[in-house]
Protein backbone atom coordinates (compact mmCIF):
# COMPACT_ATOMS: atom_id res chain seq x y z
CA MET A 1 123.34 120.84 126.20
CA GLY A 2 119.40 121.65 125.12
CA LYS A 3 116.31 121.60 127.15
CA TYR A 4 115.37 118.43 125.20
CA ASP A 5 117.08 114.79 124.50
CA PHE A 6 117.65 114.26 121.08
CA THR A 7 120.20 111.70 121.58
CA SER A 8 117.87 108.87 122.91
CA ARG A 9 116.47 106.69 119.70
CA PRO A 10 113.08 105.44 121.02
CA ASN A 11 112.32 101.68 120.84
CA ARG A 12 109.98 101.80 117.54
CA LEU A 13 109.90 97.56 117.19
CA ASN A 14 106.80 95.84 118.06
CA GLN A 15 104.45 99.42 118.44
CA PHE A 16 103.29 98.71 114.39
CA THR A 17 105.70 101.45 113.35
CA TYR A 18 105.31 101.15 109.87
CA LYS A 19 108.84 103.20 109.37
CA TRP A 20 110.41 100.32 111.65
CA GLN A 21 108.30 97.22 110.02
CA SER A 22 111.08 95.40 108.41
CA SER A 23 113.52 95.32 111.41
CA GLU A 24 110.89 93.25 113.43
CA LYS A 25 111.93 90.54 111.53
CA ASN A 26 115.61 91.75 110.65
CA PRO A 27 116.89 94.04 113.21
CA ASP A 28 120.01 94.47 111.70
CA LEU A 29 118.41 96.96 109.39
CA LEU A 30 118.59 100.64 110.29
CA GLN A 31 115.47 102.66 108.84
CA LEU A 32 115.86 106.03 107.31
CA TRP A 33 113.11 106.14 105.08
CA VAL A 34 109.59 107.21 106.11
CA ALA A 35 109.29 110.71 106.53
CA ASP A 36 108.89 110.94 110.52
CA MET A 37 111.29 111.14 113.03
CA ASP A 38 113.12 108.98 115.67
CA PHE A 39 113.30 111.49 118.36
CA LEU A 40 111.41 111.55 121.94
CA PRO A 41 108.23 113.82 121.63
CA VAL A 42 107.40 117.19 122.99
CA PRO A 43 106.88 116.72 126.58
CA GLU A 44 103.52 118.76 126.30
CA ILE A 45 101.97 116.82 123.76
CA LYS A 46 102.71 113.91 125.26
CA GLN A 47 101.13 114.89 128.53
CA ALA A 48 98.43 116.53 126.71
CA ILE A 49 97.37 112.63 125.30
CA ILE A 50 97.66 111.33 128.71
CA ASP A 51 95.43 114.05 130.06
CA TYR A 52 93.12 113.23 127.24
CA GLY A 53 92.89 109.82 128.23
CA GLN A 54 92.51 110.02 131.76
CA GLU A 55 89.76 112.83 131.63
CA HIS A 56 87.50 111.81 128.50
CA ILE A 57 85.01 109.87 127.23
CA PHE A 58 86.14 108.98 123.48
CA GLY A 59 82.94 110.49 121.91
CA TYR A 60 82.12 112.94 118.58
CA ASN A 61 84.65 116.42 119.14
CA TYR A 62 84.00 119.78 117.38
CA PHE A 63 86.67 122.16 116.49
CA LYS A 64 87.48 124.22 119.55
CA ASP A 65 87.82 128.00 119.00
CA SER A 66 91.20 127.41 120.48
CA LEU A 67 92.41 125.13 117.84
CA TYR A 68 91.62 127.68 114.99
CA GLN A 69 93.47 130.77 117.15
CA SER A 70 96.39 127.97 117.50
CA VAL A 71 96.56 127.77 113.61
CA ILE A 72 95.94 131.74 113.15
CA ASP A 73 98.64 132.56 115.57
CA TRP A 74 101.28 130.33 114.13
CA GLU A 75 100.76 131.08 110.69
CA LYS A 76 101.00 134.79 111.51
CA ASN A 77 103.79 134.41 113.63
CA GLU A 78 106.35 132.05 111.72
CA HIS A 79 104.85 132.69 108.05
CA GLY A 80 103.49 136.32 108.20
CA TYR A 81 100.68 135.17 106.72
CA GLU A 82 97.47 136.52 108.13
CA ILE A 83 94.10 134.47 107.90
CA LYS A 84 90.93 134.12 109.46
CA LYS A 85 89.00 131.33 111.27
CA GLU A 86 86.54 130.94 108.06
CA ASP A 87 89.39 130.47 105.60
CA ILE A 88 90.06 127.25 107.43
CA SER A 89 88.95 123.47 106.94
CA PHE A 90 90.37 120.95 108.97
CA ILE A 91 90.92 117.51 107.26
CA ASP A 92 92.79 114.42 108.30
CA GLY A 93 95.95 114.64 106.33
CA VAL A 94 97.27 117.10 103.05
CA VAL A 95 96.82 113.54 100.88
CA PRO A 96 93.63 113.70 101.32
CA ALA A 97 92.97 117.22 101.33
CA ILE A 98 94.79 116.75 97.88
CA SER A 99 92.20 113.97 96.65
CA VAL A 100 89.30 116.30 97.63
CA ALA A 101 90.67 119.51 95.66
CA ILE A 102 91.24 117.34 92.33
CA GLN A 103 87.50 115.89 92.65
CA ALA A 104 86.60 119.43 93.41
CA PHE A 105 88.36 121.72 90.75
CA THR A 106 88.61 118.96 87.85
CA GLU A 107 86.50 116.52 85.65
CA LYS A 108 87.93 112.94 84.87
CA GLY A 109 90.52 113.71 81.79
CA ASP A 110 91.59 117.01 83.37
CA ALA A 111 95.47 117.72 83.04
CA VAL A 112 96.69 118.12 86.71
CA LEU A 113 100.51 119.07 86.67
CA ILE A 114 103.49 118.20 89.00
CA ASN A 115 107.16 119.00 89.05
CA SER A 116 108.67 116.01 89.23
CA PRO A 117 110.39 113.97 91.26
CA VAL A 118 108.06 115.00 93.79
CA TYR A 119 106.60 113.20 96.70
CA TYR A 120 104.64 110.22 95.38
CA PRO A 121 101.52 110.23 96.17
CA PHE A 122 100.87 113.11 94.08
CA ALA A 123 101.44 111.32 90.82
CA ARG A 124 99.35 108.52 92.26
CA THR A 125 96.07 110.07 93.81
CA ILE A 126 95.96 111.91 89.88
CA ARG A 127 96.17 108.44 88.62
CA LEU A 128 93.85 106.92 90.92
CA ASN A 129 90.98 109.94 90.02
CA ASP A 130 91.42 109.35 86.44
CA ARG A 131 93.05 112.58 85.80
CA LYS A 132 95.92 113.31 83.03
CA LEU A 133 99.23 113.67 84.72
CA VAL A 134 101.31 115.87 83.56
CA GLU A 135 105.20 115.75 84.84
CA ASN A 136 107.06 118.84 84.66
CA SER A 137 110.63 117.66 85.23
CA LEU A 138 112.89 119.87 87.68
CA LEU A 139 116.54 120.88 86.62
CA ILE A 140 119.17 120.13 88.74
CA ARG A 141 121.47 123.60 89.11
CA ASN A 142 123.48 124.82 91.37
CA GLY A 143 123.22 121.94 93.61
CA HIS A 144 119.61 121.92 93.72
CA PHE A 145 116.27 121.70 92.07
CA GLU A 146 115.19 124.59 89.90
CA ILE A 147 112.11 125.31 87.84
CA ASP A 148 112.46 125.67 83.83
CA PHE A 149 109.63 128.44 83.51
CA GLU A 150 109.55 128.08 79.89
CA GLN A 151 108.78 124.29 79.94
CA LEU A 152 106.16 124.87 82.53
CA GLU A 153 104.28 127.33 80.78
CA LYS A 154 104.82 125.45 77.64
CA ASP A 155 103.50 122.23 79.76
CA ILE A 156 100.46 124.21 81.17
CA VAL A 157 99.52 125.38 77.75
CA GLU A 158 99.81 122.10 75.46
CA ASN A 159 98.03 120.32 78.50
CA GLN A 160 95.45 122.67 79.03
CA VAL A 161 96.33 122.10 82.73
CA LYS A 162 93.67 122.95 85.35
CA LEU A 163 95.20 122.25 88.60
CA TYR A 164 98.88 122.18 89.61
CA VAL A 165 100.01 120.55 92.62
CA PHE A 166 103.13 122.25 94.08
CA CYS A 167 105.21 121.21 96.85
CA SER A 168 106.95 124.03 99.09
CA PRO A 169 109.61 123.05 100.57
CA HIS A 170 110.13 120.81 98.00
CA ASN A 171 109.77 116.79 98.91
CA PRO A 172 112.35 114.88 98.16
CA GLY A 173 115.02 117.82 97.07
CA GLY A 174 114.50 119.91 100.26
CA ARG A 175 114.32 122.86 98.34
CA VAL A 176 112.69 126.24 99.54
CA TRP A 177 111.45 128.24 96.64
CA SER A 178 112.54 131.88 96.68
CA LYS A 179 110.04 134.58 96.21
CA ASP A 180 110.90 135.33 92.85
CA GLU A 181 109.92 131.46 91.88
CA LEU A 182 106.85 131.52 93.69
CA GLN A 183 105.66 134.74 91.89
CA LYS A 184 106.62 133.42 88.38
CA ILE A 185 104.48 130.07 89.57
CA GLY A 186 102.00 132.38 90.82
CA GLN A 187 102.11 134.64 87.47
CA LEU A 188 101.66 131.60 85.10
CA CYS A 189 98.70 130.18 87.32
CA LYS A 190 96.94 133.44 86.89
CA LYS A 191 97.36 133.64 83.29
CA HIS A 192 96.03 130.38 82.24
CA GLY A 193 93.36 130.08 84.97
CA VAL A 194 95.39 127.09 86.90
CA ILE A 195 94.06 126.23 90.44
CA LEU A 196 97.31 125.96 92.76
CA VAL A 197 97.33 123.59 95.44
CA SER A 198 100.40 124.57 97.31
CA ASP A 199 101.60 121.49 100.08
CA GLU A 200 103.32 123.24 102.70
CA ILE A 201 103.73 120.90 105.11
CA HIS A 202 107.29 121.06 105.57
CA GLN A 203 107.19 125.13 106.13
CA ASP A 204 108.31 125.02 109.75
CA LEU A 205 111.85 122.91 108.80
CA ALA A 206 113.09 125.54 106.42
CA LEU A 207 117.40 125.53 107.39
CA PHE A 208 120.80 126.86 107.43
CA GLY A 209 118.91 130.28 107.32
CA HIS A 210 116.48 129.86 104.29
CA THR A 211 113.25 131.10 104.57
CA HIS A 212 109.34 129.36 103.52
CA HIS A 213 107.56 131.68 101.79
CA SER A 214 103.86 130.84 102.07
CA PHE A 215 102.34 130.85 98.69
CA ASN A 216 99.69 133.59 99.62
CA THR A 217 101.85 136.05 101.04
CA VAL A 218 103.86 136.53 98.02
CA ASP A 219 101.25 138.67 96.34
CA ASP A 220 97.59 139.18 97.34
CA SER A 221 95.80 138.52 94.00
CA PHE A 222 97.36 134.73 94.62
CA LYS A 223 94.58 134.15 97.23
CA ASP A 224 92.11 133.89 94.32
CA PHE A 225 93.07 130.60 93.09
CA THR A 226 95.22 128.94 95.64
CA LEU A 227 94.88 126.39 98.37
CA VAL A 228 97.91 126.23 100.93
CA LEU A 229 97.91 122.80 102.79
CA SER A 230 99.67 122.56 106.26
CA SER A 231 100.03 120.57 109.20
CA ALA A 232 101.87 120.56 112.49
CA THR A 233 102.00 116.46 111.79
CA LYS A 234 105.84 116.67 110.20
CA THR A 235 106.80 119.82 111.99
CA PHE A 236 106.14 118.06 115.32
CA ASN A 237 106.38 114.36 114.41
CA ILE A 238 102.59 113.30 115.04
CA ALA A 239 101.60 112.13 111.93
CA GLY A 240 99.68 109.09 113.49
CA THR A 241 97.53 111.47 115.35
CA LYS A 242 95.73 112.62 112.13
CA ASN A 243 95.14 116.62 111.59
CA SER A 244 95.74 118.82 108.77
CA PHE A 245 94.39 122.08 107.41
CA VAL A 246 93.44 123.66 104.26
CA ILE A 247 93.39 127.52 103.88
CA ILE A 248 91.46 128.47 101.16
CA GLN A 249 90.62 132.25 100.90
CA ASN A 250 88.49 132.34 98.04
CA PRO A 251 84.51 131.78 99.27
CA THR A 252 83.44 130.05 96.17
CA LEU A 253 86.58 127.85 95.95
CA ARG A 254 86.24 127.37 100.01
CA ARG A 255 82.47 125.92 99.41
CA LYS A 256 83.35 123.91 96.53
CA PHE A 257 86.27 122.27 98.51
CA GLN A 258 84.15 121.76 101.71
CA ARG A 259 81.10 120.31 99.47
CA VAL A 260 82.99 117.63 98.26
CA GLN A 261 84.90 116.74 101.72
CA LEU A 262 81.22 116.65 102.81
CA ALA A 263 80.50 114.08 99.87
CA ASN A 264 83.47 111.89 100.97
CA ASN A 265 82.41 111.83 104.85
CA GLN A 266 86.16 113.88 105.31
CA HIS A 267 84.86 116.55 107.54
CA GLU A 268 86.15 114.98 110.58
CA VAL A 269 89.46 114.40 112.36
CA PRO A 270 90.27 112.61 115.28
CA THR A 271 89.87 114.45 118.93
CA ILE A 272 93.59 113.10 119.47
CA GLY A 273 94.64 115.25 116.06
CA MET A 274 92.83 118.49 117.61
CA ILE A 275 94.76 118.18 120.91
CA THR A 276 98.03 117.86 119.33
CA THR A 277 98.04 120.18 116.77
CA GLU A 278 96.87 122.83 119.40
CA THR A 279 99.30 121.76 121.95
CA ALA A 280 102.14 121.66 119.44
CA PHE A 281 101.39 124.93 118.00
CA THR A 282 101.07 126.58 121.48
CA TYR A 283 104.07 125.09 123.35
CA GLY A 284 106.15 123.53 120.78
CA LYS A 285 108.94 126.30 119.28
CA PRO A 286 111.24 125.80 121.68
CA TRP A 287 111.69 121.80 120.80
CA LEU A 288 111.52 122.84 116.90
CA GLU A 289 114.51 125.64 117.36
CA GLU A 290 115.92 122.53 118.48
CA LEU A 291 115.29 120.00 116.38
CA LYS A 292 116.64 122.38 113.66
CA LYS A 293 119.94 122.53 115.18
CA VAL A 294 120.11 118.50 115.27
CA VAL A 295 119.44 117.91 111.87
CA GLU A 296 121.45 120.42 110.41
CA LYS A 297 124.18 119.02 112.40
CA ASN A 298 123.28 115.79 110.57
CA ILE A 299 122.90 116.94 107.47
CA ASP A 300 126.46 118.75 107.58
CA TYR A 301 127.86 115.42 108.65
CA LEU A 302 126.18 113.40 105.66
CA VAL A 303 127.74 115.90 103.13
CA ASP A 304 131.20 116.03 104.47
CA TYR A 305 131.32 112.69 105.10
CA PHE A 306 129.93 111.37 101.68
CA GLU A 307 132.21 113.95 99.74
CA LYS A 308 135.09 112.29 101.91
CA ASN A 309 134.41 108.47 101.45
CA THR A 310 132.08 107.96 98.32
CA LYS A 311 131.47 108.94 95.12
CA ILE A 312 127.56 110.00 96.18
CA LYS A 313 126.53 113.63 95.04
CA VAL A 314 124.04 114.99 98.45
CA MET A 315 121.52 117.60 97.16
CA LYS A 316 122.26 119.42 100.44
CA PRO A 317 118.60 120.38 101.55
CA GLU A 318 117.16 124.01 101.97
CA GLY A 319 114.60 122.86 104.24
CA THR A 320 112.79 119.39 105.61
CA TYR A 321 114.74 116.50 106.93
CA LEU A 322 115.35 114.61 104.17
CA VAL A 323 118.41 114.35 101.90
CA TRP A 324 118.10 113.15 98.00
CA LEU A 325 121.76 111.21 97.25
CA ASP A 326 122.46 110.82 93.93
CA PHE A 327 124.49 107.21 93.12
CA SER A 328 124.83 107.46 89.69
CA ALA A 329 128.64 107.52 89.81
CA TYR A 330 128.36 103.99 90.23
CA GLY A 331 126.12 103.40 87.24
CA ILE A 332 123.45 101.40 89.08
CA GLU A 333 119.93 102.43 89.00
CA GLN A 334 116.64 101.12 90.69
CA PRO A 335 115.54 98.80 92.14
CA GLN A 336 119.15 97.22 92.07
CA LEU A 337 120.35 100.34 94.00
CA ASP A 338 117.83 99.85 96.64
CA GLU A 339 118.89 95.99 96.90
CA LYS A 340 122.30 96.53 97.33
CA LEU A 341 121.38 99.60 99.83
CA GLN A 342 119.44 96.96 101.89
CA LYS A 343 121.21 93.67 101.50
CA GLU A 344 124.57 94.71 101.28
CA ALA A 345 124.77 98.13 103.50
CA LYS A 346 121.72 97.29 105.84
CA VAL A 347 120.00 100.43 105.48
CA VAL A 348 116.70 101.47 103.85
CA LEU A 349 116.08 104.19 101.92
CA ASN A 350 113.50 105.66 99.73
CA ASP A 351 113.66 104.07 96.29
CA GLY A 352 114.40 107.60 94.36
CA ALA A 353 112.23 105.81 91.29
CA HIS A 354 109.35 105.95 93.32
CA PHE A 355 109.44 110.10 93.17
CA GLY A 356 108.81 110.17 88.94
CA LYS A 357 111.41 108.59 86.15
CA GLU A 358 113.68 111.31 86.94
CA GLY A 359 114.96 109.52 90.30
CA LYS A 360 116.26 106.11 88.88
CA THR A 361 119.30 106.51 90.38
CA PHE A 362 118.61 108.35 93.54
CA ALA A 363 117.72 107.27 97.06
CA ARG A 364 116.00 109.53 99.74
CA LEU A 365 117.34 109.76 102.87
CA ASN A 366 115.61 110.64 106.23
CA ALA A 367 118.09 112.47 108.69
CA ALA A 368 115.88 113.18 111.67
CA THR A 369 117.44 110.24 113.55
CA PRO A 370 119.90 110.51 116.52
CA PHE A 371 123.42 111.50 115.13
CA GLU A 372 125.08 108.26 116.35
CA THR A 373 122.33 106.49 113.88
CA ILE A 374 123.39 108.90 111.17
CA LYS A 375 126.96 108.06 111.55
CA GLU A 376 126.59 104.62 111.35
CA ALA A 377 124.03 104.63 108.47
CA SER A 378 126.87 106.82 106.70
CA LYS A 379 129.60 104.55 107.26
CA ARG A 380 127.93 101.22 106.17
CA ILE A 381 126.52 103.06 102.98
CA ALA A 382 130.38 104.12 102.37
CA GLU A 383 131.70 100.73 103.39
CA VAL A 384 129.33 99.10 100.29
CA PHE A 385 129.35 102.42 97.65
CA GLY A 386 133.51 103.56 98.18
CA LYS A 387 135.58 105.87 96.31
């Protein structure tokens, strides 16, 4: 037994929890979709919020040096990435940071590239900012996603891509990219003058012995054109407290980014987000170590159970707590697949088609929930989608 409780499932009904909203009307539904976890929080984070409520007046706050230091120490100790205070800009979320980057470094009509399928706000944000969306399809090889580098270069050149929004580790595929792959991406961006936005929000959730390489640690020259986005929110399940950070080591890019951030009035984050981030990075490591073991056990169970009892192909993630499930053997596509899962299996997963055209026969499952929930969800899915 570990020090922390990962077996109790907190009651999330009637707490305006987005993930469990539809269960308030239909309690039979199991929610394994939105990327937040059904685990009790890090005790120190909970205590820090209680202390804040008891001791503070809820006015404007400034970014403490100790908050910056907690990010600097975490990046260095966990990812070997050495940064300075001035490299960091705080913002309320990674997706808002992508919007700011698009507005700062491209004009309307400019091409912005993503690898598809990918976390759906990427495409939405590019489209809503009136940029040209370029989708570079990932290939499924060796049981995981790989990049077709020849096609990637072609897509960059033919569309005169200005900005590349990259997901590392990858959501929904759980791919932890190798140093070699990151090197190739960086060289292509360098060669063709592309600014890279590396969304590394799942950086701390590399699993099964895989190692996450933060983009700018791969090659010093990548710092000239790369923004690294991350946060404590996914790692420590504090998404509702709203605080992320952008690391920009090129001062010219940083000034442009911060100018747009100010123009949008996105330069402030909630005090509660500052407190939870600093507390997480200061005290959260032991909790995270235990969490990863729990998530690995859940994923191993899913892979084994679906292999034995269904024709679902599971893309075993190398990182994140998200699992990409392929239902193509059943000859059914979205939205019918989603409907079958919800109405018959009573399990809510993410609709794979939302992540791109490649996801029509897929669904994304969130494995960050107590083991009993994983067992029940697997059983329900297998009863509907048997061999």
